[in-house]
């Protein structure tokens, strides 16, 4: 079969199995199997695959049909225009989390920010994206998982920021050595009863997905601890799940009555990021 024929056939199979973006996923898997760039693939669509090449590709399709995310199969993911190595020990970076980076950069343009801490860094995508955009800022990236930090370390080296991103192992703020100007967190916020609805949940680390009965267990813990981890007039950027904005803003308002709290929607119009800024009276 030619590259074009294999792509079309595989795309049809993924579509029949209700896999979204089937065409893109088949392209990524075929390029991975053959070690081709996108340009190379589309310049030679009439190329006939050798038997082993075809067998290797269909093996990847079989893994995808079993529910394994394409990102884990090919071992990398694009985030904020950058390429990151990922493996099953880390949560797969989602496009909506790019909003955290955008909001952090906006804050850094409007006020002095000399230090940032990301809590729950995973593969390091957010911390590294910020390190590349804010070279003068000290950045801490913490995670409770040692295996996740190994992935983050690899990505720091890959992007040349290992000297500017300080990786820390520990739960929440435990390893953070000092208060910072900005704290960013994308903590687990999926309700326990909804985990089965996420197709990748069998493969992604439960530690990075499950947020307890109401999805807010880890978020609630962070909010209760964040006060003395922020510098005076410091900021918190917190990613939340759909329908959680009211509960989180009420919690923060109770903990920090005079703080400024805003909710930022993502491109789909879903409230995605809660922003808190301490005031002198907070």
C-alpha atoms as a PDB file:
ATOM      1  CA  UNK A   1       0.000   0.000   0.000  1.00  0.00           C
ATOM      2  CA  UNK A   2       1.066   3.599  -0.559  1.00  0.00           C
ATOM      3  CA  UNK A   3       1.361   6.194   2.191  1.00  0.00           C
ATOM      4  CA  UNK A   4      -1.855   7.809   0.974  1.00  0.00           C
ATOM      5  CA  UNK A   5      -3.763   4.524   0.960  1.00  0.00           C
ATOM      6  CA  UNK A   6      -2.566   3.575   4.431  1.00  0.00           C
ATOM      7  CA  UNK A   7      -3.477   7.008   5.799  1.00  0.00           C
ATOM      8  CA  UNK A   8      -6.965   6.878   4.316  1.00  0.00           C
ATOM      9  CA  UNK A   9      -7.625   3.358   5.545  1.00  0.00           C
ATOM     10  CA  UNK A  10      -6.356   4.012   9.050  1.00  0.00           C
ATOM     11  CA  UNK A  11      -8.285   7.281   9.290  1.00  0.00           C
ATOM     12  CA  UNK A  12     -11.483   5.452   8.380  1.00  0.00           C
ATOM     13  CA  UNK A  13     -10.871   2.880  11.104  1.00  0.00           C
ATOM     14  CA  UNK A  14     -10.262   5.543  13.763  1.00  0.00           C
ATOM     15  CA  UNK A  15     -13.343   7.484  12.670  1.00  0.00           C
ATOM     16  CA  UNK A  16     -15.416   4.300  12.917  1.00  0.00           C
ATOM     17  CA  UNK A  17     -14.155   3.938  16.490  1.00  0.00           C
ATOM     18  CA  UNK A  18     -15.197   7.495  17.404  1.00  0.00           C
ATOM     19  CA  UNK A  19     -11.660   8.814  17.810  1.00  0.00           C
ATOM     20  CA  UNK A  20     -11.556  12.578  17.377  1.00  0.00           C
ATOM     21  CA  UNK A  21      -9.117  14.202  14.941  1.00  0.00           C
ATOM     22  CA  UNK A  22      -8.588  10.792  13.362  1.00  0.00           C
ATOM     23  CA  UNK A  23      -6.776  12.168  10.327  1.00  0.00           C
ATOM     24  CA  UNK A  24      -4.259  14.110  12.403  1.00  0.00           C
ATOM     25  CA  UNK A  25      -3.660  11.193  14.751  1.00  0.00           C
ATOM     26  CA  UNK A  26      -3.042   8.805  11.847  1.00  0.00           C
ATOM     27  CA  UNK A  27      -0.609  11.272  10.318  1.00  0.00           C
ATOM     28  CA  UNK A  28       1.311  11.575  13.595  1.00  0.00           C
ATOM     29  CA  UNK A  29       1.452   7.808  14.047  1.00  0.00           C
ATOM     30  CA  UNK A  30       2.576   7.176  10.472  1.00  0.00           C
ATOM     31  CA  UNK A  31       5.279   9.825  10.687  1.00  0.00           C
ATOM     32  CA  UNK A  32       6.450   8.292  13.959  1.00  0.00           C
ATOM     33  CA  UNK A  33       6.542   4.774  12.498  1.00  0.00           C
ATOM     34  CA  UNK A  34       8.530   5.886   9.449  1.00  0.00           C
ATOM     35  CA  UNK A  35      10.556   8.671  11.128  1.00  0.00           C
ATOM     36  CA  UNK A  36       9.304  11.231   8.606  1.00  0.00           C
ATOM     37  CA  UNK A  37       8.708  14.951   8.854  1.00  0.00           C
ATOM     38  CA  UNK A  38       5.334  16.312   7.768  1.00  0.00           C
ATOM     39  CA  UNK A  39       6.897  17.745   4.614  1.00  0.00           C
ATOM     40  CA  UNK A  40       8.557  14.438   3.759  1.00  0.00           C
ATOM     41  CA  UNK A  41       5.273  12.600   4.227  1.00  0.00           C
ATOM     42  CA  UNK A  42       3.220  14.822   1.954  1.00  0.00           C
ATOM     43  CA  UNK A  43       5.899  15.122  -0.714  1.00  0.00           C
ATOM     44  CA  UNK A  44       5.857  11.368  -1.266  1.00  0.00           C
ATOM     45  CA  UNK A  45       2.300  10.139  -0.674  1.00  0.00           C
ATOM     46  CA  UNK A  46       2.636   7.618  -3.524  1.00  0.00           C
ATOM     47  CA  UNK A  47       5.572   5.902  -1.813  1.00  0.00           C
ATOM     48  CA  UNK A  48       4.992   2.155  -1.378  1.00  0.00           C
ATOM     49  CA  UNK A  49       5.516   0.951   2.180  1.00  0.00           C
ATOM     50  CA  UNK A  50       7.672  -2.064   2.824  1.00  0.00           C
ATOM     51  CA  UNK A  51       6.019  -4.928   4.691  1.00  0.00           C
ATOM     52  CA  UNK A  52       7.811  -4.137   7.966  1.00  0.00           C
ATOM     53  CA  UNK A  53       6.960  -0.434   7.730  1.00  0.00           C
ATOM     54  CA  UNK A  54       3.299  -1.243   7.256  1.00  0.00           C
ATOM     55  CA  UNK A  55       3.324  -3.771  10.085  1.00  0.00           C
ATOM     56  CA  UNK A  56       4.971  -1.257  12.436  1.00  0.00           C
ATOM     57  CA  UNK A  57       2.337   1.345  11.607  1.00  0.00           C
ATOM     58  CA  UNK A  58      -0.622  -0.994  12.119  1.00  0.00           C
ATOM     59  CA  UNK A  59       0.838  -2.002  15.473  1.00  0.00           C
ATOM     60  CA  UNK A  60       0.672   1.667  16.521  1.00  0.00           C
ATOM     61  CA  UNK A  61      -2.919   1.907  15.270  1.00  0.00           C
ATOM     62  CA  UNK A  62      -3.764  -1.165  17.339  1.00  0.00           C
ATOM     63  CA  UNK A  63      -2.355   0.524  20.447  1.00  0.00           C
ATOM     64  CA  UNK A  64      -4.429   3.634  19.694  1.00  0.00           C
ATOM     65  CA  UNK A  65      -7.595   1.560  19.266  1.00  0.00           C
ATOM     66  CA  UNK A  66      -6.883   0.074  22.693  1.00  0.00           C
ATOM     67  CA  UNK A  67      -7.219   3.565  24.120  1.00  0.00           C
ATOM     68  CA  UNK A  68      -3.559   4.504  24.518  1.00  0.00           C
ATOM     69  CA  UNK A  69      -3.173   8.223  23.758  1.00  0.00           C
ATOM     70  CA  UNK A  70      -1.232   9.057  20.604  1.00  0.00           C
ATOM     71  CA  UNK A  71       0.921  11.427  22.660  1.00  0.00           C
ATOM     72  CA  UNK A  72       2.251   8.534  24.750  1.00  0.00           C
ATOM     73  CA  UNK A  73       2.766   6.359  21.679  1.00  0.00           C
ATOM     74  CA  UNK A  74       4.904   8.945  19.865  1.00  0.00           C
ATOM     75  CA  UNK A  75       6.489  10.307  23.072  1.00  0.00           C
ATOM     76  CA  UNK A  76       6.058  14.024  22.594  1.00  0.00           C
ATOM     77  CA  UNK A  77       3.515  16.846  22.667  1.00  0.00           C
ATOM     78  CA  UNK A  78       3.437  20.411  21.389  1.00  0.00           C
ATOM     79  CA  UNK A  79       2.598  23.065  23.962  1.00  0.00           C
ATOM     80  CA  UNK A  80       2.786  26.829  23.499  1.00  0.00           C
ATOM     81  CA  UNK A  81       4.629  26.302  20.213  1.00  0.00           C
ATOM     82  CA  UNK A  82       7.284  24.113  21.839  1.00  0.00           C
ATOM     83  CA  UNK A  83       7.887  20.368  21.687  1.00  0.00           C
ATOM     84  CA  UNK A  84       7.975  18.420  24.967  1.00  0.00           C
ATOM     85  CA  UNK A  85       8.910  14.831  25.719  1.00  0.00           C
ATOM     86  CA  UNK A  86       6.121  12.987  27.556  1.00  0.00           C
ATOM     87  CA  UNK A  87       5.641   9.494  28.904  1.00  0.00           C
ATOM     88  CA  UNK A  88       2.919   7.807  30.995  1.00  0.00           C
ATOM     89  CA  UNK A  89       4.438   9.056  34.246  1.00  0.00           C
ATOM     90  CA  UNK A  90       3.252  12.592  33.426  1.00  0.00           C
ATOM     91  CA  UNK A  91      -0.072  14.221  32.645  1.00  0.00           C
ATOM     92  CA  UNK A  92      -0.495  15.135  28.975  1.00  0.00           C
ATOM     93  CA  UNK A  93      -0.351  18.952  28.582  1.00  0.00           C
ATOM     94  CA  UNK A  94      -3.661  20.303  27.259  1.00  0.00           C
ATOM     95  CA  UNK A  95      -4.071  23.300  24.936  1.00  0.00           C
ATOM     96  CA  UNK A  96      -6.329  25.055  27.464  1.00  0.00           C
ATOM     97  CA  UNK A  97      -3.427  25.183  29.932  1.00  0.00           C
ATOM     98  CA  UNK A  98      -1.629  27.566  27.567  1.00  0.00           C
ATOM     99  CA  UNK A  99      -3.962  30.182  29.066  1.00  0.00           C
ATOM    100  CA  UNK A 100      -1.936  29.943  32.292  1.00  0.00           C
ATOM    101  CA  UNK A 101       1.198  30.897  30.377  1.00  0.00           C
ATOM    102  CA  UNK A 102      -0.566  33.769  28.612  1.00  0.00           C
ATOM    103  CA  UNK A 103      -1.968  35.154  31.855  1.00  0.00           C
ATOM    104  CA  UNK A 104       1.405  34.852  33.594  1.00  0.00           C
ATOM    105  CA  UNK A 105       3.098  36.789  30.801  1.00  0.00           C
ATOM    106  CA  UNK A 106       0.432  39.500  31.005  1.00  0.00           C
ATOM    107  CA  UNK A 107       1.041  39.832  34.728  1.00  0.00           C
ATOM    108  CA  UNK A 108       4.796  40.026  34.188  1.00  0.00           C
ATOM    109  CA  UNK A 109       4.262  42.907  31.754  1.00  0.00           C
ATOM    110  CA  UNK A 110       2.060  44.875  34.143  1.00  0.00           C
ATOM    111  CA  UNK A 111       3.890  44.437  37.457  1.00  0.00           C
ATOM    112  CA  UNK A 112       7.309  43.424  38.830  1.00  0.00           C
ATOM    113  CA  UNK A 113       7.691  39.649  38.819  1.00  0.00           C
ATOM    114  CA  UNK A 114      11.096  38.321  39.851  1.00  0.00           C
ATOM    115  CA  UNK A 115      10.119  34.826  41.001  1.00  0.00           C
ATOM    116  CA  UNK A 116       7.525  32.235  39.945  1.00  0.00           C
ATOM    117  CA  UNK A 117       6.621  28.841  41.363  1.00  0.00           C
ATOM    118  CA  UNK A 118       4.652  26.208  39.472  1.00  0.00           C
ATOM    119  CA  UNK A 119       3.034  23.614  41.706  1.00  0.00           C
ATOM    120  CA  UNK A 120       2.514  20.265  40.000  1.00  0.00           C
ATOM    121  CA  UNK A 121       4.809  20.843  37.041  1.00  0.00           C
ATOM    122  CA  UNK A 122       4.517  17.396  35.409  1.00  0.00           C
ATOM    123  CA  UNK A 123       6.613  17.407  32.236  1.00  0.00           C
ATOM    124  CA  UNK A 124       7.589  21.024  32.894  1.00  0.00           C
ATOM    125  CA  UNK A 125       5.748  22.530  29.923  1.00  0.00           C
ATOM    126  CA  UNK A 126       4.412  25.615  31.723  1.00  0.00           C
ATOM    127  CA  UNK A 127       7.573  26.384  33.699  1.00  0.00           C
ATOM    128  CA  UNK A 128       9.801  25.956  30.649  1.00  0.00           C
ATOM    129  CA  UNK A 129       7.548  28.076  28.434  1.00  0.00           C
ATOM    130  CA  UNK A 130       7.767  30.851  31.018  1.00  0.00           C
ATOM    131  CA  UNK A 131      11.524  30.460  31.449  1.00  0.00           C
ATOM    132  CA  UNK A 132      12.026  30.962  27.715  1.00  0.00           C
ATOM    133  CA  UNK A 133       9.793  34.057  27.670  1.00  0.00           C
ATOM    134  CA  UNK A 134      11.028  35.542  30.974  1.00  0.00           C
ATOM    135  CA  UNK A 135      14.792  34.879  31.091  1.00  0.00           C
ATOM    136  CA  UNK A 136      15.380  37.203  34.067  1.00  0.00           C
ATOM    137  CA  UNK A 137      12.815  35.525  36.324  1.00  0.00           C
ATOM    138  CA  UNK A 138      13.691  32.839  38.868  1.00  0.00           C
ATOM    139  CA  UNK A 139      11.399  29.853  38.360  1.00  0.00           C
ATOM    140  CA  UNK A 140      10.692  26.985  40.738  1.00  0.00           C
ATOM    141  CA  UNK A 141       8.888  23.902  39.411  1.00  0.00           C
ATOM    142  CA  UNK A 142       7.625  21.469  42.043  1.00  0.00           C
ATOM    143  CA  UNK A 143       6.042  18.032  41.801  1.00  0.00           C
ATOM    144  CA  UNK A 144       5.394  15.221  44.253  1.00  0.00           C
ATOM    145  CA  UNK A 145       6.382  12.615  41.638  1.00  0.00           C
ATOM    146  CA  UNK A 146      10.083  11.801  41.203  1.00  0.00           C
ATOM    147  CA  UNK A 147       9.417  10.179  37.818  1.00  0.00           C
ATOM    148  CA  UNK A 148       7.604  13.283  36.592  1.00  0.00           C
ATOM    149  CA  UNK A 149      10.560  15.434  37.634  1.00  0.00           C
ATOM    150  CA  UNK A 150      12.887  13.228  35.574  1.00  0.00           C
ATOM    151  CA  UNK A 151      10.770  14.023  32.519  1.00  0.00           C
ATOM    152  CA  UNK A 152      10.774  17.719  33.429  1.00  0.00           C
ATOM    153  CA  UNK A 153      14.562  17.640  33.819  1.00  0.00           C
ATOM    154  CA  UNK A 154      14.938  16.108  30.359  1.00  0.00           C
ATOM    155  CA  UNK A 155      12.724  18.840  28.893  1.00  0.00           C
ATOM    156  CA  UNK A 156      14.643  21.567  30.717  1.00  0.00           C
ATOM    157  CA  UNK A 157      17.857  20.281  29.163  1.00  0.00           C
ATOM    158  CA  UNK A 158      16.210  19.944  25.770  1.00  0.00           C
ATOM    159  CA  UNK A 159      15.162  23.603  25.818  1.00  0.00           C
ATOM    160  CA  UNK A 160      18.337  24.904  27.457  1.00  0.00           C
ATOM    161  CA  UNK A 161      16.769  26.236  30.666  1.00  0.00           C
ATOM    162  CA  UNK A 162      18.140  23.760  33.207  1.00  0.00           C
ATOM    163  CA  UNK A 163      20.078  26.597  34.856  1.00  0.00           C
ATOM    164  CA  UNK A 164      16.946  28.777  35.220  1.00  0.00           C
ATOM    165  CA  UNK A 165      14.270  26.295  36.271  1.00  0.00           C
ATOM    166  CA  UNK A 166      14.817  24.887  39.759  1.00  0.00           C
ATOM    167  CA  UNK A 167      13.090  21.502  40.034  1.00  0.00           C
ATOM    168  CA  UNK A 168      11.816  20.582  43.499  1.00  0.00           C
ATOM    169  CA  UNK A 169      10.298  17.338  44.750  1.00  0.00           C
ATOM    170  CA  UNK A 170       7.590  17.419  47.368  1.00  0.00           C
ATOM    171  CA  UNK A 171       3.901  17.899  48.077  1.00  0.00           C
ATOM    172  CA  UNK A 172       2.412  21.288  47.285  1.00  0.00           C
ATOM    173  CA  UNK A 173       4.523  24.045  48.885  1.00  0.00           C
ATOM    174  CA  UNK A 174       6.667  21.809  51.102  1.00  0.00           C
ATOM    175  CA  UNK A 175       9.826  22.065  48.957  1.00  0.00           C
ATOM    176  CA  UNK A 176       9.452  25.778  48.090  1.00  0.00           C
ATOM    177  CA  UNK A 177      12.371  27.600  49.781  1.00  0.00           C
ATOM    178  CA  UNK A 178      10.924  31.122  49.798  1.00  0.00           C
ATOM    179  CA  UNK A 179       7.814  33.185  49.018  1.00  0.00           C
ATOM    180  CA  UNK A 180       7.437  34.160  45.356  1.00  0.00           C
ATOM    181  CA  UNK A 181       5.687  36.858  43.329  1.00  0.00           C
ATOM    182  CA  UNK A 182       3.553  34.473  41.309  1.00  0.00           C
ATOM    183  CA  UNK A 183       2.265  30.953  41.923  1.00  0.00           C
ATOM    184  CA  UNK A 184       0.846  28.895  39.057  1.00  0.00           C
ATOM    185  CA  UNK A 185      -0.971  25.616  39.515  1.00  0.00           C
ATOM    186  CA  UNK A 186      -2.780  23.163  37.284  1.00  0.00           C
ATOM    187  CA  UNK A 187      -3.782  20.624  39.907  1.00  0.00           C
ATOM    188  CA  UNK A 188      -6.008  17.547  39.484  1.00  0.00           C
ATOM    189  CA  UNK A 189      -9.628  18.728  39.235  1.00  0.00           C
ATOM    190  CA  UNK A 190     -11.565  15.796  37.767  1.00  0.00           C
ATOM    191  CA  UNK A 191     -14.350  14.505  40.012  1.00  0.00           C
ATOM    192  CA  UNK A 192     -13.853  10.942  41.183  1.00  0.00           C
ATOM    193  CA  UNK A 193     -17.097   9.845  39.552  1.00  0.00           C
ATOM    194  CA  UNK A 194     -16.132  11.338  36.195  1.00  0.00           C
ATOM    195  CA  UNK A 195     -12.727   9.692  35.758  1.00  0.00           C
ATOM    196  CA  UNK A 196     -14.267   6.823  33.795  1.00  0.00           C
ATOM    197  CA  UNK A 197     -15.519   9.330  31.209  1.00  0.00           C
ATOM    198  CA  UNK A 198     -11.973  10.364  30.268  1.00  0.00           C
ATOM    199  CA  UNK A 199     -10.694   8.084  27.539  1.00  0.00           C
ATOM    200  CA  UNK A 200      -7.039   8.500  28.541  1.00  0.00           C
ATOM    201  CA  UNK A 201      -7.625   7.936  32.265  1.00  0.00           C
ATOM    202  CA  UNK A 202      -6.423   4.311  32.062  1.00  0.00           C
ATOM    203  CA  UNK A 203      -3.030   5.524  30.889  1.00  0.00           C
ATOM    204  CA  UNK A 204      -2.457   8.907  32.543  1.00  0.00           C
ATOM    205  CA  UNK A 205      -1.292   8.988  36.185  1.00  0.00           C
ATOM    206  CA  UNK A 206      -4.278   9.060  38.540  1.00  0.00           C
ATOM    207  CA  UNK A 207      -2.273  11.387  40.782  1.00  0.00           C
ATOM    208  CA  UNK A 208      -2.481  14.037  38.051  1.00  0.00           C
ATOM    209  CA  UNK A 209      -6.194  13.609  37.304  1.00  0.00           C
ATOM    210  CA  UNK A 210      -8.286  12.771  40.349  1.00  0.00           C
ATOM    211  CA  UNK A 211      -9.458  15.697  42.453  1.00  0.00           C
ATOM    212  CA  UNK A 212     -11.579  13.769  44.946  1.00  0.00           C
ATOM    213  CA  UNK A 213     -15.347  13.635  45.247  1.00  0.00           C
ATOM    214  CA  UNK A 214     -16.040  17.200  44.064  1.00  0.00           C
ATOM    215  CA  UNK A 215     -12.816  17.607  42.079  1.00  0.00           C
ATOM    216  CA  UNK A 216     -11.558  20.339  44.403  1.00  0.00           C
ATOM    217  CA  UNK A 217      -9.590  18.435  47.061  1.00  0.00           C
ATOM    218  CA  UNK A 218      -6.131  19.515  45.883  1.00  0.00           C
ATOM    219  CA  UNK A 219      -7.280  22.975  44.837  1.00  0.00           C
ATOM    220  CA  UNK A 220      -8.805  23.534  48.269  1.00  0.00           C
ATOM    221  CA  UNK A 221      -5.573  22.417  49.940  1.00  0.00           C
ATOM    222  CA  UNK A 222      -3.495  24.793  47.834  1.00  0.00           C
ATOM    223  CA  UNK A 223      -5.790  27.758  48.447  1.00  0.00           C
ATOM    224  CA  UNK A 224      -5.599  27.225  52.199  1.00  0.00           C
ATOM    225  CA  UNK A 225      -1.793  27.139  52.129  1.00  0.00           C
ATOM    226  CA  UNK A 226      -0.964  29.762  49.512  1.00  0.00           C
ATOM    227  CA  UNK A 227      -1.123  32.905  51.665  1.00  0.00           C
ATOM    228  CA  UNK A 228       2.309  32.793  53.288  1.00  0.00           C
ATOM    229  CA  UNK A 229       3.912  31.455  50.096  1.00  0.00           C
ATOM    230  CA  UNK A 230       3.216  34.647  48.170  1.00  0.00           C
ATOM    231  CA  UNK A 231       5.194  37.856  48.461  1.00  0.00           C
ATOM    232  CA  UNK A 232       3.221  40.994  49.450  1.00  0.00           C
ATOM    233  CA  UNK A 233       0.796  41.813  46.620  1.00  0.00           C
ATOM    234  CA  UNK A 234       1.672  38.500  44.987  1.00  0.00           C
ATOM    235  CA  UNK A 235      -0.542  36.641  42.510  1.00  0.00           C
ATOM    236  CA  UNK A 236      -2.001  33.169  42.079  1.00  0.00           C
ATOM    237  CA  UNK A 237      -3.088  31.666  38.748  1.00  0.00           C
ATOM    238  CA  UNK A 238      -5.119  28.504  39.147  1.00  0.00           C
ATOM    239  CA  UNK A 239      -6.547  26.313  36.388  1.00  0.00           C
ATOM    240  CA  UNK A 240      -9.992  24.913  37.153  1.00  0.00           C
ATOM    241  CA  UNK A 241     -12.494  22.555  35.571  1.00  0.00           C
ATOM    242  CA  UNK A 242     -15.835  23.385  34.004  1.00  0.00           C
ATOM    243  CA  UNK A 243     -18.378  24.506  36.588  1.00  0.00           C
ATOM    244  CA  UNK A 244     -15.847  25.012  39.390  1.00  0.00           C
ATOM    245  CA  UNK A 245     -15.375  28.800  39.167  1.00  0.00           C
ATOM    246  CA  UNK A 246     -18.047  29.731  41.698  1.00  0.00           C
ATOM    247  CA  UNK A 247     -16.857  27.306  44.381  1.00  0.00           C
ATOM    248  CA  UNK A 248     -13.212  28.343  43.971  1.00  0.00           C
ATOM    249  CA  UNK A 249     -13.884  32.094  43.971  1.00  0.00           C
ATOM    250  CA  UNK A 250     -16.089  31.773  47.066  1.00  0.00           C
ATOM    251  CA  UNK A 251     -13.307  29.844  48.829  1.00  0.00           C
ATOM    252  CA  UNK A 252     -10.668  32.410  47.900  1.00  0.00           C
ATOM    253  CA  UNK A 253     -12.930  35.315  48.838  1.00  0.00           C
ATOM    254  CA  UNK A 254     -13.411  33.789  52.280  1.00  0.00           C
ATOM    255  CA  UNK A 255      -9.678  33.195  52.743  1.00  0.00           C
ATOM    256  CA  UNK A 256      -8.586  36.559  51.278  1.00  0.00           C
ATOM    257  CA  UNK A 257     -11.484  39.027  51.736  1.00  0.00           C
ATOM    258  CA  UNK A 258      -9.680  42.054  50.315  1.00  0.00           C
ATOM    259  CA  UNK A 259      -7.860  40.326  47.446  1.00  0.00           C
ATOM    260  CA  UNK A 260      -8.738  40.969  43.805  1.00  0.00           C
ATOM    261  CA  UNK A 261     -10.179  37.839  42.198  1.00  0.00           C
ATOM    262  CA  UNK A 262     -10.909  37.389  38.495  1.00  0.00           C
ATOM    263  CA  UNK A 263     -12.032  34.484  36.328  1.00  0.00           C
ATOM    264  CA  UNK A 264     -10.657  34.104  32.785  1.00  0.00           C
ATOM    265  CA  UNK A 265     -12.466  31.977  30.175  1.00  0.00           C
ATOM    266  CA  UNK A 266     -10.647  29.817  27.634  1.00  0.00           C
ATOM    267  CA  UNK A 267     -11.206  29.932  23.871  1.00  0.00           C
ATOM    268  CA  UNK A 268     -14.309  27.758  24.272  1.00  0.00           C
ATOM    269  CA  UNK A 269     -15.835  30.236  26.700  1.00  0.00           C
ATOM    270  CA  UNK A 270     -15.358  27.910  29.686  1.00  0.00           C
ATOM    271  CA  UNK A 271     -14.161  29.555  32.906  1.00  0.00           C
ATOM    272  CA  UNK A 272     -10.650  28.116  33.027  1.00  0.00           C
ATOM    273  CA  UNK A 273      -8.301  30.252  35.129  1.00  0.00           C
ATOM    274  CA  UNK A 274      -8.906  31.911  38.488  1.00  0.00           C
ATOM    275  CA  UNK A 275      -6.581  34.832  39.181  1.00  0.00           C
ATOM    276  CA  UNK A 276      -5.998  36.141  42.693  1.00  0.00           C
ATOM    277  CA  UNK A 277      -3.947  39.233  43.522  1.00  0.00           C
ATOM    278  CA  UNK A 278      -3.162  40.063  47.125  1.00  0.00           C
ATOM    279  CA  UNK A 279      -3.633  43.640  48.273  1.00  0.00           C
ATOM    280  CA  UNK A 280      -1.808  45.297  51.211  1.00  0.00           C
ATOM    281  CA  UNK A 281      -4.729  44.405  53.480  1.00  0.00           C
ATOM    282  CA  UNK A 282      -4.975  40.758  52.339  1.00  0.00           C
END
